[in-house]
Amino acid sequence: MLWLVLLAGLVIIFSIWAFFALSRASKPLRHRLPDFHHEFAGEISPPPLPPLPPPVPWEPELPAGYGDTRIVALPRDPYWLYAYWEISSATRTTLERQYGQSFFQRSRPVIKVRGQETDSRIVDIFDLEINDYADNWYIKVPFPDRTYILDLGRVLPDGTFVLIARSNPVTTPRATFSDRTDPEWATIGALYERTGLFGPSSPGAGAGLGGISSEELMRRNFAPSKH
């Protein structure tokens, strides 16, 4: 019986020794784990973002108007014009003083499309009804290759037209091919020979380059052909 008691005591002592030995062996591993995780996290983490650029300074927008009473006409194609306009507050005050405070309420806005003839006469073509909220308009015109003038104004109840601003003359392009044709097409060699500087009959033939003034060169190149 005594040897069984001794054996049991040895087993207990060995178990206690093994428990403390394993505990001491595991402590350094636990101390190293935070360093390992820190290095691993540093390797896979993205690089720091670059600093944000400075904010763009605010710039004011274009003004809604410039304080000038005017209407400007531009050609878009043979059958369309584009017009934009502005009526200043000073012009509005003048019109209300002349025609009454309710002038703009009693009248309606109109653009008179007029044509400019070759003898500088201005003829009416048609009236275009617009509204009080618009400051630009696309205008369809009946004739290509024609010079137009736009009159911006108001029409009173009795039919009187009050002119506010007149546009610049504007000419629409042709809607067909040009009727101007060149009678002949000169080659590069012919143009050189025409100047008299090159070619067998030039004054410089056989004696180097010939001399010619700028005026004479222009005259030879652009003088009308004689038939």
Protein backbone atom coordinates (compact mmCIF):
# COMPACT_ATOMS: atom_id res chain seq x y z
CA MET A 1 0.00 0.00 0.00
CA LEU A 2 2.87 2.33 0.78
CA TRP A 3 4.20 2.21 -2.75
CA LEU A 4 0.76 3.15 -4.16
CA VAL A 5 0.69 6.25 -1.97
CA LEU A 6 4.20 7.18 -3.11
CA LEU A 7 3.24 6.65 -6.77
CA ALA A 8 0.16 8.85 -6.39
CA GLY A 9 2.27 11.57 -4.76
CA LEU A 10 4.79 11.47 -7.60
CA VAL A 11 2.00 11.78 -10.18
CA ILE A 12 0.56 14.83 -8.37
CA ILE A 13 3.99 16.45 -8.06
CA PHE A 14 4.72 15.83 -11.76
CA SER A 15 1.37 17.28 -12.82
CA ILE A 16 1.94 20.45 -10.79
CA TRP A 17 5.46 20.83 -12.23
CA ALA A 18 4.20 20.34 -15.81
CA PHE A 19 1.42 22.91 -15.32
CA PHE A 20 3.80 25.63 -14.11
CA ALA A 21 6.36 24.78 -16.79
CA LEU A 22 3.81 25.15 -19.58
CA SER A 23 2.55 28.41 -18.07
CA ARG A 24 6.05 29.94 -18.03
CA ALA A 25 6.74 28.74 -21.59
CA SER A 26 3.54 30.34 -22.95
CA LYS A 27 4.18 33.81 -21.47
CA PRO A 28 6.90 34.95 -23.97
CA LEU A 29 4.66 33.95 -26.89
CA ARG A 30 1.85 36.11 -25.57
CA HIS A 31 4.24 39.03 -25.18
CA ARG A 32 5.40 38.67 -28.78
CA LEU A 33 1.93 38.47 -30.34
CA PRO A 34 1.13 42.23 -30.16
CA ASP A 35 4.38 43.07 -31.99
CA PHE A 36 3.57 40.52 -34.68
CA HIS A 37 0.10 41.91 -35.24
CA HIS A 38 1.44 45.45 -35.36
CA GLU A 39 3.95 44.62 -38.12
CA PHE A 40 1.37 42.67 -40.09
CA ALA A 41 -1.16 45.52 -39.89
CA GLY A 42 1.47 48.02 -40.99
CA GLU A 43 2.28 45.96 -44.11
CA ILE A 44 -1.33 45.69 -45.39
CA SER A 45 -2.59 49.15 -44.39
CA PRO A 46 -2.96 51.62 -47.36
CA PRO A 47 -0.60 54.58 -47.68
CA PRO A 48 -1.81 57.86 -46.21
CA LEU A 49 -3.97 60.04 -48.47
CA PRO A 50 -2.37 63.15 -49.97
CA PRO A 51 -3.48 66.46 -48.53
CA LEU A 52 -6.54 68.08 -50.10
CA PRO A 53 -5.87 70.89 -52.59
CA PRO A 54 -6.68 74.40 -51.47
CA PRO A 55 -10.25 75.51 -52.19
CA VAL A 56 -10.87 77.20 -55.52
CA PRO A 57 -11.47 80.89 -55.02
CA TRP A 58 -15.02 81.94 -55.79
CA GLU A 59 -15.45 83.99 -58.92
CA PRO A 60 -18.53 86.14 -59.53
CA GLU A 61 -20.88 85.14 -62.31
CA LEU A 62 -21.50 87.24 -65.38
CA PRO A 63 -23.98 90.01 -64.68
CA ALA A 64 -27.52 89.68 -65.95
CA GLY A 65 -27.19 93.04 -67.69
CA TYR A 66 -24.75 95.83 -68.43
CA GLY A 67 -27.05 98.81 -68.14
CA ASP A 68 -27.18 99.44 -71.92
CA THR A 69 -30.33 99.58 -74.02
CA ARG A 70 -29.56 97.68 -77.20
CA ILE A 71 -30.50 94.76 -79.42
CA VAL A 72 -27.89 92.68 -81.25
CA ALA A 73 -28.65 90.50 -84.29
CA LEU A 74 -26.55 87.55 -85.47
CA PRO A 75 -27.05 85.24 -88.47
CA ARG A 76 -27.33 81.55 -87.67
CA ASP A 77 -27.99 80.13 -91.15
CA PRO A 78 -29.76 81.26 -94.36
CA TYR A 79 -33.20 81.22 -92.68
CA TRP A 80 -32.58 81.95 -89.01
CA LEU A 81 -31.37 84.93 -86.98
CA TYR A 82 -30.50 85.08 -83.31
CA ALA A 83 -31.15 88.26 -81.33
CA TYR A 84 -30.49 89.28 -77.75
CA TRP A 85 -31.35 92.56 -76.10
CA GLU A 86 -31.41 94.60 -72.92
CA ILE A 87 -33.54 97.52 -71.76
CA SER A 88 -31.88 99.55 -69.03
CA SER A 89 -33.71 100.90 -66.01
CA ALA A 90 -32.97 104.44 -67.19
CA THR A 91 -34.74 103.75 -70.51
CA ARG A 92 -37.70 102.24 -68.67
CA THR A 93 -37.98 105.34 -66.48
CA THR A 94 -37.86 107.59 -69.54
CA LEU A 95 -40.60 105.64 -71.31
CA GLU A 96 -42.83 105.64 -68.23
CA ARG A 97 -42.32 109.39 -67.84
CA GLN A 98 -43.22 109.94 -71.51
CA TYR A 99 -46.12 107.47 -71.91
CA GLY A 100 -47.32 107.05 -68.32
CA GLN A 101 -46.46 104.84 -65.37
CA SER A 102 -48.51 101.95 -66.81
CA PHE A 103 -46.74 102.04 -70.17
CA PHE A 104 -45.27 98.53 -69.89
CA GLN A 105 -48.54 97.11 -68.55
CA ARG A 106 -50.64 98.66 -71.33
CA SER A 107 -48.27 97.84 -74.20
CA ARG A 108 -47.00 94.58 -75.67
CA PRO A 109 -43.40 93.80 -76.75
CA VAL A 110 -42.77 93.40 -80.46
CA ILE A 111 -39.75 92.95 -82.72
CA LYS A 112 -40.25 94.43 -86.17
CA VAL A 113 -38.24 92.48 -88.73
CA ARG A 114 -37.23 94.85 -91.51
CA GLY A 115 -35.25 94.37 -94.69
CA GLN A 116 -32.54 96.69 -95.95
CA GLU A 117 -32.63 97.19 -99.71
CA THR A 118 -29.62 97.80 -101.92
CA ASP A 119 -30.51 101.52 -102.06
CA SER A 120 -30.42 101.63 -98.22
CA ARG A 121 -34.21 101.77 -97.97
CA ILE A 122 -35.68 99.88 -95.02
CA VAL A 123 -38.91 97.99 -95.64
CA ASP A 124 -41.16 96.14 -93.20
CA ILE A 125 -41.28 92.34 -93.53
CA PHE A 126 -43.22 91.14 -90.49
CA ASP A 127 -43.86 91.77 -86.79
CA LEU A 128 -42.78 89.21 -84.21
CA GLU A 129 -44.72 88.96 -80.94
CA ILE A 130 -42.45 88.23 -77.96
CA ASN A 131 -43.01 88.32 -74.19
CA ASP A 132 -41.85 90.48 -71.31
CA TYR A 133 -39.72 87.74 -69.77
CA ALA A 134 -37.45 87.00 -72.75
CA ASP A 135 -34.15 88.72 -73.50
CA ASN A 136 -33.21 86.64 -76.57
CA TRP A 137 -35.01 85.00 -79.47
CA TYR A 138 -34.44 82.81 -82.53
CA ILE A 139 -36.13 84.44 -85.52
CA LYS A 140 -37.06 82.59 -88.71
CA VAL A 141 -36.71 84.85 -91.75
CA PRO A 142 -38.19 84.23 -95.21
CA PHE A 143 -35.28 85.10 -97.51
CA PRO A 144 -31.66 83.95 -97.57
CA ASP A 145 -28.85 86.23 -98.72
CA ARG A 146 -30.78 89.22 -97.37
CA THR A 147 -29.85 92.05 -95.03
CA TYR A 148 -32.16 92.46 -92.05
CA ILE A 149 -32.59 95.03 -89.28
CA LEU A 150 -34.50 94.33 -86.07
CA ASP A 151 -36.46 97.05 -84.26
CA LEU A 152 -37.26 96.31 -80.62
CA GLY A 153 -40.25 98.21 -79.27
CA ARG A 154 -43.71 98.23 -77.72
CA VAL A 155 -47.13 98.49 -79.34
CA LEU A 156 -49.74 100.62 -77.56
CA PRO A 157 -53.46 99.72 -77.54
CA ASP A 158 -54.09 102.18 -80.39
CA GLY A 159 -51.48 100.41 -82.57
CA THR A 160 -48.71 102.97 -82.14
CA PHE A 161 -45.26 101.41 -82.27
CA VAL A 162 -42.75 102.88 -79.83
CA LEU A 163 -39.18 102.16 -80.90
CA ILE A 164 -36.81 101.29 -78.06
CA ALA A 165 -33.67 100.01 -79.86
CA ARG A 166 -32.55 99.17 -83.40
CA SER A 167 -30.14 96.34 -84.16
CA ASN A 168 -27.10 96.23 -86.35
CA PRO A 169 -27.71 95.23 -90.00
CA VAL A 170 -27.14 91.50 -90.43
CA THR A 171 -26.97 89.51 -93.68
CA THR A 172 -27.95 85.86 -93.92
CA PRO A 173 -25.79 83.56 -96.08
CA ARG A 174 -26.84 82.07 -99.37
CA ALA A 175 -28.94 78.91 -99.45
CA THR A 176 -27.45 77.75 -102.77
CA PHE A 177 -24.04 77.46 -104.36
CA SER A 178 -22.35 80.70 -105.29
CA ASP A 179 -22.94 81.93 -108.84
CA ARG A 180 -19.41 83.27 -109.01
CA THR A 181 -17.12 80.92 -110.92
CA ASP A 182 -13.47 81.32 -111.81
CA PRO A 183 -12.89 81.35 -115.58
CA GLU A 184 -9.64 79.43 -115.22
CA TRP A 185 -7.64 77.53 -112.63
CA ALA A 186 -3.94 78.22 -112.70
CA THR A 187 -1.42 75.57 -111.68
CA ILE A 188 1.45 76.27 -109.28
CA GLY A 189 3.88 76.27 -112.18
CA ALA A 190 1.74 78.77 -114.10
CA LEU A 191 1.59 81.05 -111.08
CA TYR A 192 5.38 81.01 -110.82
CA GLU A 193 5.74 81.77 -114.54
CA ARG A 194 3.16 84.54 -114.22
CA THR A 195 5.41 86.41 -111.78
CA GLY A 196 8.19 86.55 -114.41
CA LEU A 197 10.78 85.28 -111.94
CA PHE A 198 10.86 81.71 -113.19
CA GLY A 199 10.43 79.93 -116.46
CA PRO A 200 12.26 80.01 -119.81
CA SER A 201 11.09 83.55 -120.66
CA SER A 202 11.75 85.11 -117.25
CA PRO A 203 14.18 88.00 -116.97
CA GLY A 204 16.35 85.95 -114.64
CA ALA A 205 16.65 82.93 -116.94
CA GLY A 206 20.29 82.01 -117.57
CA ALA A 207 21.54 84.71 -115.20
CA GLY A 208 20.40 83.55 -111.79
CA LEU A 209 17.28 84.90 -110.09
CA GLY A 210 15.61 87.93 -111.59
CA GLY A 211 14.64 90.94 -109.49
CA ILE A 212 11.16 92.42 -109.16
CA SER A 213 9.54 94.93 -106.82
CA SER A 214 6.71 94.00 -104.45
CA GLU A 215 4.28 96.29 -106.28
CA GLU A 216 5.09 94.71 -109.62
CA LEU A 217 4.74 91.24 -108.14
CA MET A 218 1.26 92.09 -106.76
CA ARG A 219 0.23 93.62 -110.08
CA ARG A 220 1.24 90.53 -112.03
CA ASN A 221 -0.46 88.14 -109.63
CA PHE A 222 -3.75 89.95 -109.08
CA ALA A 223 -4.27 92.00 -112.19
CA PRO A 224 -7.48 90.96 -114.05
CA SER A 225 -6.97 88.66 -117.02
CA LYS A 226 -7.40 90.08 -120.50
CA HIS A 227 -9.43 88.01 -122.93
